[in-house]
Amino acid sequence: MPRKPLVAHVIAPACRAVWRSLPALLILSAGCPGPSVGPTACDGISERTLAITKSDYAMCAGEILESLDEFETSLRRFVDGDAASKDPAREASRRLARLMDEAGFQADAWREVKGGAGRTIERWPDASMRVFNGEVINAAAQFNAALVYPNQDNLQQGVRLHAEARSAYSRFR
């Protein structure tokens, strides 16, 4: 019986798997934190494991909102057809990802996936701060999707979620 070529039974399925996961990889990598650009209000928050207070977090949350504002502004121009706005949008995405990392969002997400939602509540005892963090994560995901594949749908969802994050911020500030 003749053997199938290596391409047919090994490489082709691997290539299909890569192509299926490519959009998710692009969305996730668009927000990869870049090099450090100096101290931020979020420095040290990721190391806190218990009871982050409103006063501890307010300046960091404000900086995260400013970063979302920058991202939205340049992303709107990019989605509307201004190709020169892609690099500023990408840079704003990196800055936002860095701030989210410094605040410990990724560690919180992994902890929750592993069944440790109680630890996240211990870390963020104020519900409005948890709501803010969730809205920021969702807005960033929509904005990054629009950065990878420019479209009004993801942009508008991100704009709505950004507004909800701003509203949650005003409740704990």
N, C-alpha and C. Protein backbone atom coordinates (compact mmCIF):
# COMPACT_ATOMS: atom_id res chain seq x y z
N MET A 1 0.84 -1.16 0.00
CA MET A 1 0.00 0.00 0.00
C MET A 1 0.90 1.24 0.00
N PRO A 2 0.64 2.18 -0.91
CA PRO A 2 1.49 3.36 -0.98
C PRO A 2 1.24 4.27 0.22
N ARG A 3 2.32 4.87 0.71
CA ARG A 3 2.21 5.79 1.85
C ARG A 3 1.79 7.17 1.37
N LYS A 4 1.00 7.83 2.19
CA LYS A 4 0.62 9.21 1.87
C LYS A 4 1.83 10.09 2.06
N PRO A 5 1.94 11.11 1.25
CA PRO A 5 3.05 12.04 1.46
C PRO A 5 2.90 12.71 2.83
N LEU A 6 4.03 13.09 3.40
CA LEU A 6 4.07 13.73 4.70
C LEU A 6 3.17 14.95 4.76
N VAL A 7 3.11 15.69 3.68
CA VAL A 7 2.29 16.90 3.64
C VAL A 7 0.82 16.56 3.86
N ALA A 8 0.35 15.47 3.31
CA ALA A 8 -1.07 15.15 3.36
C ALA A 8 -1.55 14.79 4.76
N HIS A 9 -0.77 14.07 5.54
CA HIS A 9 -1.31 13.61 6.82
C HIS A 9 -0.67 14.23 8.06
N VAL A 10 0.40 14.99 7.92
CA VAL A 10 1.01 15.60 9.09
C VAL A 10 1.01 17.13 8.97
N ILE A 11 1.57 17.63 7.92
CA ILE A 11 1.75 19.07 7.79
C ILE A 11 0.44 19.79 7.50
N ALA A 12 -0.40 19.25 6.60
CA ALA A 12 -1.64 19.93 6.25
C ALA A 12 -2.55 20.12 7.46
N PRO A 13 -2.79 19.09 8.31
CA PRO A 13 -3.62 19.34 9.49
C PRO A 13 -3.01 20.37 10.44
N ALA A 14 -1.71 20.36 10.57
CA ALA A 14 -1.06 21.35 11.44
C ALA A 14 -1.26 22.75 10.89
N CYS A 15 -1.15 22.91 9.58
CA CYS A 15 -1.35 24.22 8.96
C CYS A 15 -2.79 24.69 9.16
N ARG A 16 -3.75 23.76 9.01
CA ARG A 16 -5.15 24.14 9.22
C ARG A 16 -5.37 24.60 10.66
N ALA A 17 -4.77 23.92 11.61
CA ALA A 17 -4.91 24.30 13.02
C ALA A 17 -4.34 25.69 13.27
N VAL A 18 -3.20 25.98 12.66
CA VAL A 18 -2.59 27.30 12.83
C VAL A 18 -3.50 28.37 12.23
N TRP A 19 -4.03 28.12 11.04
CA TRP A 19 -4.87 29.12 10.39
C TRP A 19 -6.16 29.35 11.17
N ARG A 20 -6.71 28.28 11.79
CA ARG A 20 -7.92 28.44 12.59
C ARG A 20 -7.66 29.29 13.82
N SER A 21 -6.47 29.17 14.40
CA SER A 21 -6.18 29.90 15.63
C SER A 21 -5.52 31.25 15.36
N LEU A 22 -5.19 31.55 14.12
CA LEU A 22 -4.50 32.80 13.80
C LEU A 22 -5.25 34.05 14.25
N PRO A 23 -6.57 34.17 14.00
CA PRO A 23 -7.24 35.39 14.47
C PRO A 23 -7.12 35.59 15.98
N ALA A 24 -7.28 34.53 16.75
CA ALA A 24 -7.16 34.66 18.21
C ALA A 24 -5.74 35.06 18.59
N LEU A 25 -4.75 34.49 17.93
CA LEU A 25 -3.36 34.84 18.23
C LEU A 25 -3.08 36.30 17.90
N LEU A 26 -3.63 36.77 16.80
CA LEU A 26 -3.42 38.16 16.42
C LEU A 26 -4.06 39.11 17.42
N ILE A 27 -5.27 38.78 17.85
CA ILE A 27 -5.96 39.63 18.82
C ILE A 27 -5.18 39.67 20.12
N LEU A 28 -4.74 38.51 20.59
CA LEU A 28 -4.00 38.46 21.84
C LEU A 28 -2.65 39.15 21.73
N SER A 29 -1.96 38.97 20.60
CA SER A 29 -0.63 39.55 20.49
C SER A 29 -0.67 41.06 20.24
N ALA A 30 -1.79 41.56 19.75
CA ALA A 30 -1.88 43.00 19.51
C ALA A 30 -1.75 43.78 20.80
N GLY A 31 -2.14 43.18 21.90
CA GLY A 31 -2.06 43.87 23.19
C GLY A 31 -0.88 43.47 24.03
N CYS A 32 0.12 42.84 23.44
CA CYS A 32 1.28 42.43 24.23
C CYS A 32 2.01 43.65 24.76
N PRO A 33 2.35 43.61 26.03
CA PRO A 33 3.02 44.77 26.60
C PRO A 33 4.38 44.99 25.96
N GLY A 34 4.70 46.23 25.72
CA GLY A 34 5.98 46.58 25.14
C GLY A 34 6.99 46.86 26.22
N PRO A 35 8.08 47.46 25.85
CA PRO A 35 9.11 47.76 26.83
C PRO A 35 8.61 48.76 27.87
N SER A 36 9.20 48.71 29.02
CA SER A 36 8.82 49.60 30.11
C SER A 36 9.11 51.04 29.73
N VAL A 37 8.21 51.93 30.09
CA VAL A 37 8.39 53.34 29.76
C VAL A 37 8.41 54.21 31.01
N GLY A 38 8.81 53.63 32.11
CA GLY A 38 8.90 54.40 33.34
C GLY A 38 7.83 54.01 34.33
N PRO A 39 7.87 54.63 35.48
CA PRO A 39 6.91 54.28 36.53
C PRO A 39 5.49 54.71 36.18
N THR A 40 4.54 53.95 36.69
CA THR A 40 3.12 54.27 36.51
C THR A 40 2.43 54.19 37.86
N ALA A 41 1.21 54.65 37.88
CA ALA A 41 0.42 54.57 39.11
C ALA A 41 0.04 53.12 39.44
N CYS A 42 0.20 52.22 38.49
CA CYS A 42 -0.17 50.81 38.69
C CYS A 42 0.98 49.96 39.22
N ASP A 43 2.18 50.53 39.30
CA ASP A 43 3.33 49.77 39.78
C ASP A 43 3.05 49.20 41.16
N GLY A 44 3.31 47.91 41.32
CA GLY A 44 3.19 47.25 42.61
C GLY A 44 1.81 46.69 42.92
N ILE A 45 0.80 47.06 42.16
CA ILE A 45 -0.54 46.57 42.48
C ILE A 45 -0.66 45.08 42.19
N SER A 46 0.03 44.58 41.18
CA SER A 46 -0.07 43.15 40.86
C SER A 46 0.48 42.28 41.99
N GLU A 47 1.37 42.82 42.81
CA GLU A 47 1.92 42.03 43.92
C GLU A 47 0.99 42.00 45.12
N ARG A 48 0.03 42.89 45.16
CA ARG A 48 -0.91 42.92 46.29
C ARG A 48 -1.84 41.72 46.20
N THR A 49 -1.99 41.00 47.27
CA THR A 49 -2.83 39.81 47.25
C THR A 49 -4.08 39.94 48.10
N LEU A 50 -4.20 41.01 48.85
CA LEU A 50 -5.33 41.12 49.76
C LEU A 50 -5.82 42.56 49.84
N ALA A 51 -7.10 42.73 49.67
CA ALA A 51 -7.83 43.98 49.93
C ALA A 51 -7.21 45.24 49.34
N ILE A 52 -7.22 45.32 48.03
CA ILE A 52 -6.82 46.57 47.37
C ILE A 52 -7.95 47.57 47.60
N THR A 53 -7.62 48.72 48.14
CA THR A 53 -8.65 49.70 48.48
C THR A 53 -8.89 50.66 47.32
N LYS A 54 -10.00 51.36 47.42
CA LYS A 54 -10.33 52.36 46.40
C LYS A 54 -9.25 53.41 46.30
N SER A 55 -8.75 53.86 47.44
CA SER A 55 -7.72 54.90 47.41
C SER A 55 -6.41 54.37 46.83
N ASP A 56 -6.11 53.07 47.06
CA ASP A 56 -4.91 52.46 46.48
C ASP A 56 -5.01 52.39 44.96
N TYR A 57 -6.21 52.16 44.46
CA TYR A 57 -6.41 51.84 43.06
C TYR A 57 -6.85 53.02 42.20
N ALA A 58 -7.37 54.07 42.80
CA ALA A 58 -7.98 55.16 42.03
C ALA A 58 -7.03 55.77 41.00
N MET A 59 -5.79 56.04 41.39
CA MET A 59 -4.85 56.67 40.43
C MET A 59 -4.51 55.70 39.30
N CYS A 60 -4.32 54.42 39.62
CA CYS A 60 -4.03 53.43 38.58
C CYS A 60 -5.21 53.30 37.63
N ALA A 61 -6.43 53.22 38.18
CA ALA A 61 -7.62 53.12 37.34
C ALA A 61 -7.75 54.34 36.44
N GLY A 62 -7.43 55.52 36.97
CA GLY A 62 -7.47 56.73 36.16
C GLY A 62 -6.47 56.66 35.01
N GLU A 63 -5.30 56.12 35.28
CA GLU A 63 -4.29 55.98 34.23
C GLU A 63 -4.73 54.95 33.19
N ILE A 64 -5.38 53.89 33.64
CA ILE A 64 -5.92 52.89 32.71
C ILE A 64 -6.98 53.54 31.82
N LEU A 65 -7.87 54.36 32.39
CA LEU A 65 -8.88 55.05 31.60
C LEU A 65 -8.25 56.01 30.59
N GLU A 66 -7.21 56.73 31.00
CA GLU A 66 -6.51 57.61 30.05
C GLU A 66 -5.94 56.81 28.89
N SER A 67 -5.39 55.65 29.20
CA SER A 67 -4.83 54.80 28.16
C SER A 67 -5.93 54.29 27.22
N LEU A 68 -7.08 53.93 27.78
CA LEU A 68 -8.22 53.52 26.94
C LEU A 68 -8.67 54.67 26.06
N ASP A 69 -8.67 55.89 26.61
CA ASP A 69 -9.04 57.08 25.82
C ASP A 69 -8.11 57.25 24.63
N GLU A 70 -6.80 57.15 24.88
CA GLU A 70 -5.82 57.27 23.79
C GLU A 70 -6.03 56.19 22.74
N PHE A 71 -6.25 54.97 23.22
CA PHE A 71 -6.46 53.84 22.31
C PHE A 71 -7.70 54.09 21.45
N GLU A 72 -8.80 54.48 22.08
CA GLU A 72 -10.04 54.70 21.34
C GLU A 72 -9.88 55.82 20.31
N THR A 73 -9.23 56.90 20.69
CA THR A 73 -9.07 58.05 19.79
C THR A 73 -8.30 57.67 18.53
N SER A 74 -7.15 57.04 18.71
CA SER A 74 -6.36 56.67 17.52
C SER A 74 -7.01 55.53 16.76
N LEU A 75 -7.68 54.63 17.46
CA LEU A 75 -8.34 53.51 16.79
C LEU A 75 -9.51 53.99 15.94
N ARG A 76 -10.26 54.97 16.42
CA ARG A 76 -11.36 55.53 15.61
C ARG A 76 -10.84 56.04 14.27
N ARG A 77 -9.73 56.78 14.32
CA ARG A 77 -9.15 57.30 13.07
C ARG A 77 -8.70 56.15 12.17
N PHE A 78 -8.08 55.14 12.76
CA PHE A 78 -7.60 54.01 11.96
C PHE A 78 -8.76 53.26 11.31
N VAL A 79 -9.80 52.97 12.07
CA VAL A 79 -10.95 52.24 11.52
C VAL A 79 -11.65 53.08 10.45
N ASP A 80 -11.60 54.40 10.59
CA ASP A 80 -12.21 55.28 9.58
C ASP A 80 -11.35 55.45 8.34
N GLY A 81 -10.19 54.79 8.30
CA GLY A 81 -9.39 54.78 7.08
C GLY A 81 -8.06 55.50 7.14
N ASP A 82 -7.70 56.08 8.25
CA ASP A 82 -6.42 56.78 8.38
C ASP A 82 -5.34 55.76 8.76
N ALA A 83 -4.64 55.23 7.77
CA ALA A 83 -3.63 54.19 7.99
C ALA A 83 -2.50 54.66 8.90
N ALA A 84 -2.23 55.96 8.90
CA ALA A 84 -1.15 56.48 9.75
C ALA A 84 -1.49 56.37 11.24
N SER A 85 -2.75 56.16 11.57
CA SER A 85 -3.16 56.05 12.97
C SER A 85 -2.97 54.65 13.53
N LYS A 86 -2.56 53.71 12.69
CA LYS A 86 -2.40 52.34 13.18
C LYS A 86 -1.28 52.23 14.21
N ASP A 87 -0.14 52.87 13.94
CA ASP A 87 0.97 52.79 14.89
C ASP A 87 0.63 53.44 16.23
N PRO A 88 0.03 54.62 16.26
CA PRO A 88 -0.37 55.17 17.57
C PRO A 88 -1.39 54.28 18.29
N ALA A 89 -2.30 53.66 17.54
CA ALA A 89 -3.28 52.76 18.16
C ALA A 89 -2.57 51.53 18.72
N ARG A 90 -1.62 51.01 17.97
CA ARG A 90 -0.87 49.84 18.45
C ARG A 90 -0.07 50.19 19.70
N GLU A 91 0.53 51.36 19.73
CA GLU A 91 1.29 51.80 20.90
C GLU A 91 0.37 51.99 22.11
N ALA A 92 -0.80 52.56 21.88
CA ALA A 92 -1.77 52.73 22.97
C ALA A 92 -2.24 51.37 23.48
N SER A 93 -2.39 50.41 22.59
CA SER A 93 -2.76 49.06 22.99
C SER A 93 -1.68 48.44 23.88
N ARG A 94 -0.44 48.63 23.50
CA ARG A 94 0.67 48.09 24.31
C ARG A 94 0.72 48.75 25.69
N ARG A 95 0.51 50.05 25.72
CA ARG A 95 0.53 50.74 27.00
C ARG A 95 -0.61 50.25 27.90
N LEU A 96 -1.79 50.11 27.32
CA LEU A 96 -2.93 49.61 28.08
C LEU A 96 -2.65 48.19 28.61
N ALA A 97 -2.09 47.35 27.76
CA ALA A 97 -1.77 45.98 28.18
C ALA A 97 -0.76 45.99 29.32
N ARG A 98 0.19 46.89 29.23
CA ARG A 98 1.20 46.99 30.31
C ARG A 98 0.55 47.41 31.62
N LEU A 99 -0.33 48.40 31.57
CA LEU A 99 -1.02 48.85 32.79
C LEU A 99 -1.90 47.74 33.36
N MET A 100 -2.60 47.03 32.49
CA MET A 100 -3.44 45.93 32.95
C MET A 100 -2.59 44.84 33.59
N ASP A 101 -1.43 44.59 33.03
CA ASP A 101 -0.52 43.59 33.59
C ASP A 101 0.00 44.06 34.95
N GLU A 102 0.35 45.34 35.06
CA GLU A 102 0.85 45.87 36.32
C GLU A 102 -0.23 45.85 37.41
N ALA A 103 -1.49 45.95 37.00
CA ALA A 103 -2.59 45.88 37.96
C ALA A 103 -2.94 44.42 38.31
N GLY A 104 -2.39 43.48 37.57
CA GLY A 104 -2.60 42.07 37.88
C GLY A 104 -3.82 41.45 37.23
N PHE A 105 -4.34 42.05 36.17
CA PHE A 105 -5.55 41.52 35.53
C PHE A 105 -5.34 40.09 35.02
N GLN A 106 -4.20 39.84 34.39
CA GLN A 106 -3.95 38.51 33.83
C GLN A 106 -3.88 37.46 34.93
N ALA A 107 -3.20 37.77 36.02
CA ALA A 107 -3.11 36.82 37.13
C ALA A 107 -4.50 36.56 37.72
N ASP A 108 -5.32 37.60 37.80
CA ASP A 108 -6.68 37.42 38.30
C ASP A 108 -7.48 36.50 37.38
N ALA A 109 -7.34 36.70 36.08
CA ALA A 109 -8.07 35.87 35.12
C ALA A 109 -7.65 34.41 35.23
N TRP A 110 -6.35 34.15 35.32
CA TRP A 110 -5.88 32.76 35.46
C TRP A 110 -6.38 32.16 36.77
N ARG A 111 -6.38 32.94 37.81
CA ARG A 111 -6.84 32.45 39.11
C ARG A 111 -8.32 32.06 39.02
N GLU A 112 -9.12 32.86 38.35
CA GLU A 112 -10.54 32.56 38.21
C GLU A 112 -10.76 31.33 37.35
N VAL A 113 -9.98 31.18 36.28
CA VAL A 113 -10.10 30.01 35.42
C VAL A 113 -9.83 28.73 36.22
N LYS A 114 -8.89 28.83 37.14
CA LYS A 114 -8.53 27.67 37.95
C LYS A 114 -9.48 27.47 39.14
N GLY A 115 -10.57 28.23 39.20
CA GLY A 115 -11.54 28.07 40.27
C GLY A 115 -11.27 28.91 41.49
N GLY A 116 -10.46 29.93 41.35
CA GLY A 116 -10.11 30.76 42.49
C GLY A 116 -10.79 32.11 42.50
N ALA A 117 -12.05 32.17 42.12
CA ALA A 117 -12.75 33.47 42.09
C ALA A 117 -12.78 34.11 43.47
N GLY A 118 -12.81 33.30 44.51
CA GLY A 118 -12.81 33.84 45.88
C GLY A 118 -11.57 34.66 46.15
N ARG A 119 -10.42 34.24 45.61
CA ARG A 119 -9.17 34.99 45.79
C ARG A 119 -9.26 36.34 45.08
N THR A 120 -9.92 36.38 43.93
CA THR A 120 -10.08 37.65 43.23
C THR A 120 -10.95 38.59 44.06
N ILE A 121 -11.97 38.06 44.69
CA ILE A 121 -12.84 38.89 45.53
C ILE A 121 -12.08 39.38 46.76
N GLU A 122 -11.21 38.53 47.32
CA GLU A 122 -10.38 38.97 48.43
C GLU A 122 -9.46 40.11 48.00
N ARG A 123 -8.95 39.99 46.79
CA ARG A 123 -8.01 40.99 46.28
C ARG A 123 -8.72 42.30 45.94
N TRP A 124 -9.91 42.19 45.36
CA TRP A 124 -10.70 43.35 44.96
C TRP A 124 -12.03 43.31 45.72
N PRO A 125 -12.06 43.69 46.99
CA PRO A 125 -13.28 43.53 47.77
C PRO A 125 -14.43 44.44 47.33
N ASP A 126 -14.13 45.53 46.68
CA ASP A 126 -15.18 46.45 46.24
C ASP A 126 -15.71 46.01 44.88
N ALA A 127 -17.01 45.76 44.81
CA ALA A 127 -17.63 45.26 43.58
C ALA A 127 -17.45 46.23 42.41
N SER A 128 -17.49 47.53 42.68
CA SER A 128 -17.36 48.49 41.58
C SER A 128 -15.96 48.43 40.96
N MET A 129 -14.94 48.10 41.75
CA MET A 129 -13.60 47.93 41.17
C MET A 129 -13.55 46.68 40.30
N ARG A 130 -14.20 45.61 40.73
CA ARG A 130 -14.23 44.38 39.92
C ARG A 130 -14.99 44.62 38.61
N VAL A 131 -16.09 45.37 38.70
CA VAL A 131 -16.86 45.70 37.49
C VAL A 131 -15.99 46.53 36.55
N PHE A 132 -15.31 47.53 37.09
CA PHE A 132 -14.41 48.36 36.28
C PHE A 132 -13.39 47.49 35.56
N ASN A 133 -12.72 46.61 36.31
CA ASN A 133 -11.70 45.75 35.71
C ASN A 133 -12.28 44.90 34.58
N GLY A 134 -13.47 44.33 34.81
CA GLY A 134 -14.10 43.51 33.78
C GLY A 134 -14.43 44.31 32.53
N GLU A 135 -14.94 45.52 32.71
CA GLU A 135 -15.28 46.37 31.55
C GLU A 135 -14.02 46.77 30.79
N VAL A 136 -12.94 47.05 31.51
CA VAL A 136 -11.68 47.40 30.85
C VAL A 136 -11.17 46.22 30.03
N ILE A 137 -11.20 45.03 30.61
CA ILE A 137 -10.75 43.83 29.88
C ILE A 137 -11.56 43.64 28.62
N ASN A 138 -12.88 43.77 28.72
CA ASN A 138 -13.75 43.57 27.56
C ASN A 138 -13.58 44.67 26.52
N ALA A 139 -13.43 45.91 26.97
CA ALA A 139 -13.21 47.02 26.02
C ALA A 139 -11.88 46.82 25.29
N ALA A 140 -10.85 46.44 26.03
CA ALA A 140 -9.53 46.21 25.41
C ALA A 140 -9.61 45.09 24.37
N ALA A 141 -10.36 44.04 24.67
CA ALA A 141 -10.50 42.93 23.71
C ALA A 141 -11.18 43.41 22.43
N GLN A 142 -12.24 44.21 22.56
CA GLN A 142 -12.94 44.71 21.38
C GLN A 142 -12.07 45.68 20.59
N PHE A 143 -11.37 46.56 21.29
CA PHE A 143 -10.49 47.50 20.60
C PHE A 143 -9.36 46.76 19.89
N ASN A 144 -8.79 45.75 20.52
CA ASN A 144 -7.72 44.98 19.88
C ASN A 144 -8.24 44.21 18.67
N ALA A 145 -9.47 43.73 18.75
CA ALA A 145 -10.06 43.06 17.59
C ALA A 145 -10.20 44.04 16.43
N ALA A 146 -10.62 45.27 16.72
CA ALA A 146 -10.75 46.29 15.67
C ALA A 146 -9.39 46.72 15.15
N LEU A 147 -8.37 46.63 15.97
CA LEU A 147 -7.01 46.97 15.53
C LEU A 147 -6.49 45.92 14.55
N VAL A 148 -6.80 44.65 14.83
CA VAL A 148 -6.34 43.56 13.96
C VAL A 148 -7.17 43.51 12.68
N TYR A 149 -8.47 43.65 12.83
CA TYR A 149 -9.39 43.62 11.68
C TYR A 149 -10.29 44.85 11.78
N PRO A 150 -9.89 45.97 11.17
CA PRO A 150 -10.62 47.23 11.33
C PRO A 150 -12.10 47.10 10.93
N ASN A 151 -12.98 47.32 11.89
CA ASN A 151 -14.41 47.27 11.62
C ASN A 151 -15.16 48.07 12.67
N GLN A 152 -16.29 48.60 12.27
CA GLN A 152 -17.09 49.44 13.16
C GLN A 152 -17.76 48.65 14.28
N ASP A 153 -18.10 47.39 14.03
CA ASP A 153 -18.79 46.58 15.04
C ASP A 153 -17.94 46.44 16.30
N ASN A 154 -16.71 45.95 16.15
CA ASN A 154 -15.84 45.80 17.32
C ASN A 154 -15.53 47.16 17.95
N LEU A 155 -15.31 48.16 17.12
CA LEU A 155 -15.01 49.50 17.63
C LEU A 155 -16.17 50.00 18.49
N GLN A 156 -17.40 49.89 17.99
CA GLN A 156 -18.55 50.40 18.73
C GLN A 156 -18.81 49.61 20.01
N GLN A 157 -18.58 48.30 19.97
CA GLN A 157 -18.71 47.52 21.20
C GLN A 157 -17.66 47.97 22.22
N GLY A 158 -16.45 48.22 21.75
CA GLY A 158 -15.40 48.71 22.63
C GLY A 158 -15.73 50.08 23.20
N VAL A 159 -16.30 50.96 22.38
CA VAL A 159 -16.68 52.29 22.84
C VAL A 159 -17.74 52.18 23.94
N ARG A 160 -18.72 51.30 23.74
CA ARG A 160 -19.77 51.10 24.75
C ARG A 160 -19.17 50.57 26.05
N LEU A 161 -18.29 49.59 25.95
CA LEU A 161 -17.67 49.01 27.14
C LEU A 161 -16.74 50.01 27.83
N HIS A 162 -16.08 50.84 27.05
CA HIS A 162 -15.22 51.89 27.61
C HIS A 162 -16.08 52.86 28.42
N ALA A 163 -17.24 53.24 27.89
CA ALA A 163 -18.14 54.13 28.61
C ALA A 163 -18.62 53.47 29.91
N GLU A 164 -18.88 52.17 29.87
CA GLU A 164 -19.30 51.47 31.07
C GLU A 164 -18.16 51.41 32.09
N ALA A 165 -16.93 51.26 31.62
CA ALA A 165 -15.77 51.28 32.53
C ALA A 165 -15.64 52.65 33.18
N ARG A 166 -15.85 53.70 32.40
CA ARG A 166 -15.78 55.06 32.93
C ARG A 166 -16.86 55.27 34.00
N SER A 167 -18.04 54.74 33.75
CA SER A 167 -19.13 54.84 34.71
C SER A 167 -18.80 54.08 36.01
N ALA A 168 -18.25 52.88 35.88
CA ALA A 168 -17.85 52.10 37.05
C ALA A 168 -16.77 52.82 37.83
N TYR A 169 -15.84 53.46 37.11
CA TYR A 169 -14.77 54.22 37.77
C TYR A 169 -15.35 55.36 38.59
N SER A 170 -16.35 56.04 38.05
CA SER A 170 -16.94 57.17 38.78
C SER A 170 -17.62 56.71 40.06
N ARG A 171 -18.04 55.45 40.14
CA ARG A 171 -18.69 54.94 41.35
C ARG A 171 -17.71 54.65 42.48
N PHE A 172 -16.44 54.41 42.17
CA PHE A 172 -15.50 54.11 43.27
C PHE A 172 -14.43 55.18 43.46
N ARG A 173 -14.38 56.14 42.61
CA ARG A 173 -13.35 57.18 42.67
C ARG A 173 -13.56 58.06 43.81
